[in-house]
N, C-alpha and C. Protein backbone atom coordinates (compact mmCIF):
# COMPACT_ATOMS: atom_id res chain seq x y z
N MET A 1 106.51 92.75 87.61
CA MET A 1 105.99 93.61 87.05
C MET A 1 107.01 94.03 85.33
N SER A 2 107.05 93.31 84.54
CA SER A 2 107.94 93.53 83.27
C SER A 2 107.29 94.67 82.91
N ALA A 3 108.19 95.45 82.02
CA ALA A 3 107.99 96.67 80.92
C ALA A 3 106.82 96.63 80.37
N SER A 4 106.12 95.35 79.70
CA SER A 4 104.92 95.33 78.99
C SER A 4 103.59 95.42 79.84
N ASP A 5 103.97 95.30 81.21
CA ASP A 5 103.02 95.66 82.22
C ASP A 5 102.49 96.99 82.42
N LEU A 6 103.60 97.60 82.38
CA LEU A 6 103.60 99.23 82.80
C LEU A 6 102.88 100.06 81.32
N SER A 7 102.89 99.04 80.33
CA SER A 7 102.72 100.35 79.13
C SER A 7 101.31 100.48 78.82
N GLY A 8 100.26 100.12 79.87
CA GLY A 8 99.04 100.27 79.79
C GLY A 8 98.60 101.34 80.97
N LEU A 9 99.84 101.89 81.81
CA LEU A 9 99.50 102.82 82.72
C LEU A 9 99.19 104.39 82.17
N ASN A 10 98.57 105.08 82.82
CA ASN A 10 98.40 106.29 82.62
C ASN A 10 99.10 106.95 84.05
N ILE A 11 100.15 107.62 83.70
CA ILE A 11 101.30 107.89 84.73
C ILE A 11 101.17 109.58 84.97
N LEU A 12 100.91 110.23 86.01
CA LEU A 12 100.71 111.58 86.36
C LEU A 12 102.05 111.93 86.94
N LEU A 13 102.82 112.63 86.51
CA LEU A 13 103.96 113.23 87.13
C LEU A 13 103.89 115.15 87.74
N LEU A 14 104.11 114.90 89.15
CA LEU A 14 104.00 116.15 89.86
C LEU A 14 105.36 116.55 90.28
N ASP A 15 105.62 117.59 89.71
CA ASP A 15 107.16 118.20 89.92
C ASP A 15 107.32 119.03 89.27
N ASP A 16 107.94 120.52 90.20
CA ASP A 16 108.26 121.70 89.49
C ASP A 16 109.35 121.94 89.16
N SER A 17 110.23 120.92 88.93
CA SER A 17 111.52 120.98 88.08
C SER A 17 110.82 120.37 86.53
N ARG A 18 111.27 120.90 85.43
CA ARG A 18 111.19 120.40 84.36
C ARG A 18 112.22 119.37 84.06
N SER A 19 113.44 119.53 84.62
CA SER A 19 114.26 118.84 84.65
C SER A 19 114.29 117.41 85.14
N ILE A 20 113.72 117.30 86.06
CA ILE A 20 113.20 116.08 86.97
C ILE A 20 112.07 115.30 86.32
N ARG A 21 111.46 116.02 85.78
CA ARG A 21 110.47 115.39 85.19
C ARG A 21 110.78 114.85 83.67
N LEU A 22 111.91 115.52 83.00
CA LEU A 22 112.32 114.92 82.12
C LEU A 22 113.02 113.72 82.19
N VAL A 23 113.96 113.68 83.50
CA VAL A 23 114.49 112.47 84.04
C VAL A 23 113.46 111.31 84.27
N LEU A 24 112.80 111.71 84.95
CA LEU A 24 111.26 110.80 85.21
C LEU A 24 110.66 109.96 84.31
N THR A 25 110.23 110.99 83.20
CA THR A 25 109.92 110.86 81.62
C THR A 25 110.80 109.87 81.02
N THR A 26 112.05 110.26 81.21
CA THR A 26 112.91 109.10 80.10
C THR A 26 112.80 107.58 80.94
N LEU A 27 112.93 107.79 82.25
CA LEU A 27 113.02 106.63 83.22
C LEU A 27 111.57 105.76 82.58
N LEU A 28 110.54 105.98 82.99
CA LEU A 28 109.25 105.79 82.58
C LEU A 28 109.20 105.12 81.29
N ARG A 29 109.96 105.92 79.94
CA ARG A 29 109.46 105.62 78.62
C ARG A 29 110.35 104.29 78.40
N GLY A 30 111.49 104.27 79.17
CA GLY A 30 112.12 102.77 79.23
C GLY A 30 111.92 101.74 79.79
N LEU A 31 110.74 102.11 80.74
CA LEU A 31 110.03 101.00 81.24
C LEU A 31 108.86 100.58 80.37
N GLY A 32 108.65 101.17 79.63
CA GLY A 32 107.60 100.84 78.56
C GLY A 32 106.38 101.81 78.69
N VAL A 33 106.15 102.77 79.85
CA VAL A 33 105.03 103.40 79.63
C VAL A 33 105.47 104.70 78.57
N THR A 34 103.89 104.50 78.20
CA THR A 34 103.79 105.93 76.89
C THR A 34 102.83 106.53 77.04
N ARG A 35 101.87 106.72 77.72
CA ARG A 35 101.21 107.80 78.40
C ARG A 35 101.53 108.45 79.79
N ILE A 36 102.53 109.40 79.51
CA ILE A 36 102.93 110.33 80.98
C ILE A 36 102.27 111.55 80.73
N TYR A 37 101.67 112.20 81.90
CA TYR A 37 101.13 113.26 81.54
C TYR A 37 101.78 114.32 82.83
N GLU A 38 102.32 115.24 82.75
CA GLU A 38 102.70 116.73 83.50
C GLU A 38 102.23 117.70 83.99
N SER A 39 102.55 117.51 85.30
CA SER A 39 102.33 118.96 86.08
C SER A 39 103.15 119.61 87.09
N ARG A 40 102.91 120.71 86.99
CA ARG A 40 104.35 121.57 87.60
C ARG A 40 103.63 121.75 89.28
N ASP A 41 102.35 121.78 89.22
CA ASP A 41 102.03 122.21 90.78
C ASP A 41 100.49 121.33 90.82
N ALA A 42 99.96 121.90 92.47
CA ALA A 42 99.06 120.63 92.86
C ALA A 42 97.63 120.90 91.66
N ASP A 43 97.44 122.39 91.91
CA ASP A 43 95.99 122.73 90.81
C ASP A 43 96.08 122.46 89.41
N GLU A 44 97.60 122.25 88.95
CA GLU A 44 97.31 121.97 87.28
C GLU A 44 97.42 120.23 87.50
N ALA A 45 97.74 119.61 88.52
CA ALA A 45 97.81 118.47 88.43
C ALA A 45 96.19 117.81 88.77
N LEU A 46 95.61 118.47 89.49
CA LEU A 46 93.99 118.14 89.47
C LEU A 46 93.29 118.36 88.27
N VAL A 47 93.67 119.47 87.33
CA VAL A 47 92.92 119.35 86.26
C VAL A 47 93.63 118.35 85.33
N THR A 48 95.04 118.22 85.40
CA THR A 48 95.29 116.98 84.47
C THR A 48 94.71 115.57 84.52
N ALA A 49 94.66 115.49 85.88
CA ALA A 49 94.31 114.18 86.62
C ALA A 49 92.58 113.87 85.82
N ARG A 50 91.84 115.31 85.83
CA ARG A 50 89.99 115.22 85.18
C ARG A 50 90.28 114.39 83.75
N LEU A 51 91.70 115.20 83.14
CA LEU A 51 91.86 115.15 81.56
C LEU A 51 91.98 113.51 80.96
N CYS A 52 93.10 113.46 82.14
CA CYS A 52 93.92 112.24 81.54
C CYS A 52 93.68 110.69 82.53
N ARG A 53 92.72 110.82 83.39
CA ARG A 53 92.51 109.55 84.43
C ARG A 53 93.46 108.85 84.65
N PRO A 54 94.79 109.33 85.44
CA PRO A 54 96.07 108.42 85.78
C PRO A 54 95.72 107.14 86.13
N ASP A 55 96.29 106.34 86.41
CA ASP A 55 96.16 105.09 86.86
C ASP A 55 97.47 104.97 88.55
N LEU A 56 97.99 106.23 88.12
CA LEU A 56 99.20 106.39 89.14
C LEU A 56 100.06 107.59 88.97
N ALA A 57 99.97 108.31 90.42
CA ALA A 57 100.61 109.58 90.30
C ALA A 57 102.26 109.78 91.04
N LEU A 58 102.95 109.66 90.40
CA LEU A 58 104.43 110.40 90.75
C LEU A 58 104.54 111.97 91.49
N VAL A 59 104.42 111.98 92.59
CA VAL A 59 104.50 113.58 93.13
C VAL A 59 105.78 113.55 94.01
N ASP A 60 106.45 114.87 93.90
CA ASP A 60 107.56 114.90 94.25
C ASP A 60 107.54 115.70 95.69
N TYR A 61 108.51 115.32 96.64
CA TYR A 61 108.05 115.93 98.19
C TYR A 61 108.37 117.64 97.75
N ASP A 62 108.91 118.20 97.32
CA ASP A 62 109.34 119.57 97.44
C ASP A 62 109.26 120.26 95.67
N LEU A 63 107.81 121.21 96.01
CA LEU A 63 107.17 121.31 95.06
C LEU A 63 106.91 123.14 94.75
N GLY A 64 108.52 123.39 95.87
CA GLY A 64 108.66 125.24 95.49
C GLY A 64 107.52 125.82 96.48
N LEU A 65 106.55 126.06 96.12
CA LEU A 65 105.64 126.99 97.15
C LEU A 65 104.97 126.18 97.92
N THR A 66 104.92 124.96 97.90
CA THR A 66 104.16 123.86 98.49
C THR A 66 104.70 122.67 98.37
N SER A 67 104.08 122.04 99.53
CA SER A 67 105.06 120.38 99.85
C SER A 67 104.16 119.24 98.75
N GLY A 68 104.91 118.32 98.67
CA GLY A 68 103.95 117.20 97.90
C GLY A 68 103.18 116.54 98.79
N LEU A 69 103.17 116.94 99.87
CA LEU A 69 102.30 116.23 100.85
C LEU A 69 101.31 117.11 101.37
N ASP A 70 101.01 118.56 100.68
CA ASP A 70 99.95 119.19 100.73
C ASP A 70 99.38 118.66 99.25
N ALA A 71 100.04 118.55 98.44
CA ALA A 71 99.25 118.05 97.11
C ALA A 71 98.83 116.45 97.31
N ILE A 72 99.01 115.78 97.88
CA ILE A 72 98.59 114.32 98.24
C ILE A 72 97.17 114.78 98.98
N ARG A 73 97.25 115.43 100.09
CA ARG A 73 96.08 115.80 101.07
C ARG A 73 95.12 116.12 99.65
N ARG A 74 95.04 117.26 98.72
CA ARG A 74 94.64 117.58 97.93
C ARG A 74 93.92 116.59 97.31
N PHE A 75 94.77 115.71 96.74
CA PHE A 75 94.31 114.64 95.87
C PHE A 75 93.11 113.54 96.51
N ARG A 76 93.53 113.65 98.14
CA ARG A 76 92.71 112.49 98.13
C ARG A 76 91.09 113.27 99.05
N ASP A 77 91.28 114.58 98.72
CA ASP A 77 90.17 115.20 99.38
C ASP A 77 89.05 114.72 98.35
N ALA A 78 88.28 114.05 98.46
CA ALA A 78 87.14 113.71 97.89
C ALA A 78 86.32 114.98 97.14
N TRP A 79 86.37 116.00 97.67
CA TRP A 79 85.46 117.11 97.17
C TRP A 79 86.35 118.21 96.10
N LEU A 80 87.27 117.89 96.14
CA LEU A 80 88.34 118.51 95.35
C LEU A 80 89.10 117.63 94.18
N SER A 81 89.32 116.40 94.27
CA SER A 81 89.70 115.34 93.60
C SER A 81 88.97 114.55 92.84
N PRO A 82 89.08 114.11 91.34
CA PRO A 82 88.40 113.60 90.29
C PRO A 82 88.48 111.86 91.25
N PHE A 83 89.60 112.04 91.26
CA PHE A 83 90.29 110.47 92.14
C PHE A 83 90.61 110.42 93.37
N PRO A 84 90.11 110.46 94.42
CA PRO A 84 90.87 110.36 95.77
C PRO A 84 91.09 108.94 96.21
N ASP A 85 91.22 108.15 95.65
CA ASP A 85 91.76 106.77 95.83
C ASP A 85 93.23 106.40 94.80
N LEU A 86 93.19 107.61 94.04
CA LEU A 86 94.56 106.95 92.86
C LEU A 86 95.71 106.67 93.98
N PRO A 87 96.10 105.90 93.34
CA PRO A 87 97.53 105.17 93.90
C PRO A 87 98.62 106.48 93.70
N ILE A 88 99.49 106.63 94.83
CA ILE A 88 100.73 107.95 94.70
C ILE A 88 101.78 107.24 95.54
N ILE A 89 102.69 108.14 94.73
CA ILE A 89 103.94 107.59 95.27
C ILE A 89 104.78 108.71 95.32
N LEU A 90 105.32 109.14 96.70
CA LEU A 90 105.89 110.12 96.98
C LEU A 90 107.28 110.28 96.49
N LEU A 91 108.03 110.99 95.59
CA LEU A 91 109.44 111.12 95.56
C LEU A 91 110.04 111.82 96.48
N ALA A 92 110.95 111.51 97.35
CA ALA A 92 111.47 112.41 98.30
C ALA A 92 112.98 111.96 98.69
N PRO A 93 113.71 113.06 99.02
CA PRO A 93 115.20 113.20 99.06
C PRO A 93 115.87 112.01 100.28
N THR A 94 115.04 111.29 100.91
CA THR A 94 115.58 110.71 101.98
C THR A 94 114.17 109.77 102.75
N SER A 95 114.23 108.93 103.30
CA SER A 95 113.01 108.60 104.25
C SER A 95 113.32 108.50 105.39
N LEU A 96 113.34 109.50 106.24
CA LEU A 96 113.24 110.15 107.35
C LEU A 96 112.00 109.56 108.17
N PRO A 97 112.30 109.19 109.12
CA PRO A 97 110.92 108.70 110.11
C PRO A 97 110.05 109.76 110.11
N HIS A 98 110.45 110.64 110.10
CA HIS A 98 109.02 112.15 110.25
C HIS A 98 108.33 112.23 108.69
N LEU A 99 109.25 111.78 107.80
CA LEU A 99 108.77 112.48 106.49
C LEU A 99 107.77 111.10 106.37
N THR A 100 108.17 110.06 106.61
CA THR A 100 107.29 108.92 106.39
C THR A 100 106.14 108.75 107.14
N ARG A 101 106.03 109.41 108.09
CA ARG A 101 104.99 109.69 109.40
C ARG A 101 104.06 110.47 108.42
N GLY A 102 104.85 111.58 108.25
CA GLY A 102 103.92 112.32 107.27
C GLY A 102 103.51 112.29 106.09
N ALA A 103 103.89 111.19 105.15
CA ALA A 103 103.72 110.56 103.98
C ALA A 103 102.70 109.74 104.01
N GLU A 104 102.84 109.04 105.32
CA GLU A 104 101.46 108.32 105.42
C GLU A 104 100.11 108.97 105.98
N ALA A 105 100.18 110.16 106.85
CA ALA A 105 99.11 110.64 107.38
C ALA A 105 98.55 111.21 106.11
N ALA A 106 99.33 111.89 105.14
CA ALA A 106 98.73 112.88 104.18
C ALA A 106 97.86 111.66 102.73
N GLY A 107 98.67 110.20 102.78
CA GLY A 107 97.71 109.47 102.31
C GLY A 107 98.69 109.10 100.82
N ALA A 108 99.88 109.42 101.09
CA ALA A 108 100.90 108.64 100.25
C ALA A 108 100.72 106.81 100.13
N ASP A 109 100.89 106.38 99.11
CA ASP A 109 100.62 104.79 98.96
C ASP A 109 102.43 104.24 99.44
N ALA A 110 103.21 105.07 98.84
CA ALA A 110 104.69 104.90 98.93
C ALA A 110 105.67 105.91 99.01
N ILE A 111 106.77 105.59 99.60
CA ILE A 111 107.77 106.74 99.42
C ILE A 111 108.92 106.01 98.42
N LEU A 112 109.42 106.49 97.56
CA LEU A 112 110.51 106.48 96.65
C LEU A 112 111.71 107.52 97.32
N PRO A 113 112.66 106.89 97.61
CA PRO A 113 113.80 107.79 97.84
C PRO A 113 114.68 108.10 96.38
N LYS A 114 115.37 109.56 96.62
CA LYS A 114 115.64 109.99 95.48
C LYS A 114 117.38 110.08 96.01
N PRO A 115 118.31 109.62 95.16
CA PRO A 115 117.96 109.73 93.59
C PRO A 115 117.00 107.98 93.08
N VAL A 116 116.18 108.46 91.99
CA VAL A 116 115.34 107.11 91.60
C VAL A 116 116.20 106.54 90.03
N ASN A 117 116.11 105.43 90.49
CA ASN A 117 116.75 104.63 89.00
C ASN A 117 115.76 103.57 88.61
N ALA A 118 115.67 103.26 87.48
CA ALA A 118 114.99 102.33 86.63
C ALA A 118 114.09 101.33 87.50
N GLY A 119 115.19 100.64 88.07
CA GLY A 119 114.80 99.34 89.14
C GLY A 119 114.04 99.51 89.91
N THR A 120 114.40 100.51 91.09
CA THR A 120 113.56 101.18 91.79
C THR A 120 112.07 101.23 91.55
N LEU A 121 112.11 102.12 90.61
CA LEU A 121 111.10 102.85 90.14
C LEU A 121 109.92 101.85 89.88
N ALA A 122 110.41 101.18 88.90
CA ALA A 122 109.39 99.72 88.48
C ALA A 122 108.98 98.64 89.71
N THR A 123 109.82 98.89 90.27
CA THR A 123 109.30 98.18 91.72
C THR A 123 108.26 98.64 92.84
N HIS A 124 108.27 100.07 92.74
CA HIS A 124 107.70 101.06 93.61
C HIS A 124 106.27 100.95 93.07
N ILE A 125 106.27 100.96 91.30
CA ILE A 125 105.21 101.28 90.58
C ILE A 125 104.24 100.20 90.70
N HIS A 126 105.19 98.65 90.56
CA HIS A 126 104.39 97.60 90.39
C HIS A 126 103.87 97.40 91.92
N ASP A 127 104.23 97.35 92.97
CA ASP A 127 103.97 97.20 94.24
C ASP A 127 102.89 98.10 94.66
N VAL A 128 102.87 99.02 94.20
CA VAL A 128 101.79 100.13 94.83
C VAL A 128 100.39 99.89 93.81
N VAL A 129 100.35 99.78 92.43
CA VAL A 129 99.60 99.23 91.58
C VAL A 129 98.94 97.88 92.08
N GLN A 130 99.83 96.92 92.28
CA GLN A 130 99.02 95.57 93.02
C GLN A 130 98.22 95.59 93.83
N ALA A 131 98.72 96.68 94.84
CA ALA A 131 97.65 96.91 95.98
C ALA A 131 96.44 97.45 95.93
N ALA A 132 96.53 98.40 95.06
CA ALA A 132 95.74 99.32 94.27
C ALA A 132 94.70 98.22 93.91
N VAL A 133 94.80 97.08 93.16
CA VAL A 133 94.00 96.24 92.50
C VAL A 133 93.51 95.34 93.62
N ARG A 134 94.25 94.90 94.81
CA ARG A 134 93.79 94.14 95.56
C ARG A 134 92.70 94.97 96.60
N ARG A 135 93.12 95.94 96.90
CA ARG A 135 91.90 96.81 97.44
C ARG A 135 90.58 97.02 96.79
N ALA A 136 90.83 97.32 95.55
CA ALA A 136 89.50 97.28 94.46
C ALA A 136 88.73 96.35 94.27
N ALA A 137 89.30 94.96 94.25
CA ALA A 137 88.81 93.66 94.09
C ALA A 137 87.95 93.14 95.07
N PRO A 138 86.55 92.66 94.70
CA PRO A 138 85.44 92.35 95.45
C PRO A 138 86.09 90.97 96.51
N PRO A 139 85.47 91.16 97.83
CA PRO A 139 85.70 89.92 98.40
C PRO A 139 85.48 88.51 97.89
N LEU A 140 86.37 87.89 98.47
CA LEU A 140 85.68 86.22 97.70
C LEU A 140 84.57 85.71 98.59
N SER A 141 83.86 85.22 97.70
CA SER A 141 82.74 84.63 98.42
C SER A 141 82.79 83.27 99.06
N HIS A 142 82.77 82.78 100.39
CA HIS A 142 82.70 81.89 100.73
C HIS A 142 81.71 80.39 101.07
N THR A 143 80.77 80.87 100.10
CA THR A 143 79.57 79.96 99.94
C THR A 143 80.02 78.61 98.83
N ALA A 144 79.71 77.91 99.32
CA ALA A 144 79.58 76.92 98.43
C ALA A 144 78.66 76.44 97.41
């Protein structure tokens, strides 16, 4: 996926650290993304999602008072979330086996190990968005 392919995406960043949100915003802008929405916690992220209708969320594993896994579970809850099928990438310090299992159980679509660079960020976004498109596509008709 090229930078121009990413330019049409609405991306929600969920991280309690302003400096990390700034780094991610800078990387995303370098990839051509112009619609970036930031949240500090899960409550704010759910409200922001209702307003910006994101195509993808980047969620940090450590959100201070709660974990990114808890935030992802809240996004997956159809009673709480306007978009329970929202593609979500978990940003984590490492991809340990227990973290991978926890992320999968919570509903993360992918784990992006920190530190993040533009190339791996673009690859993960492309892969997750393409997988979401495939899930949403109607099945092919096998009639002649």
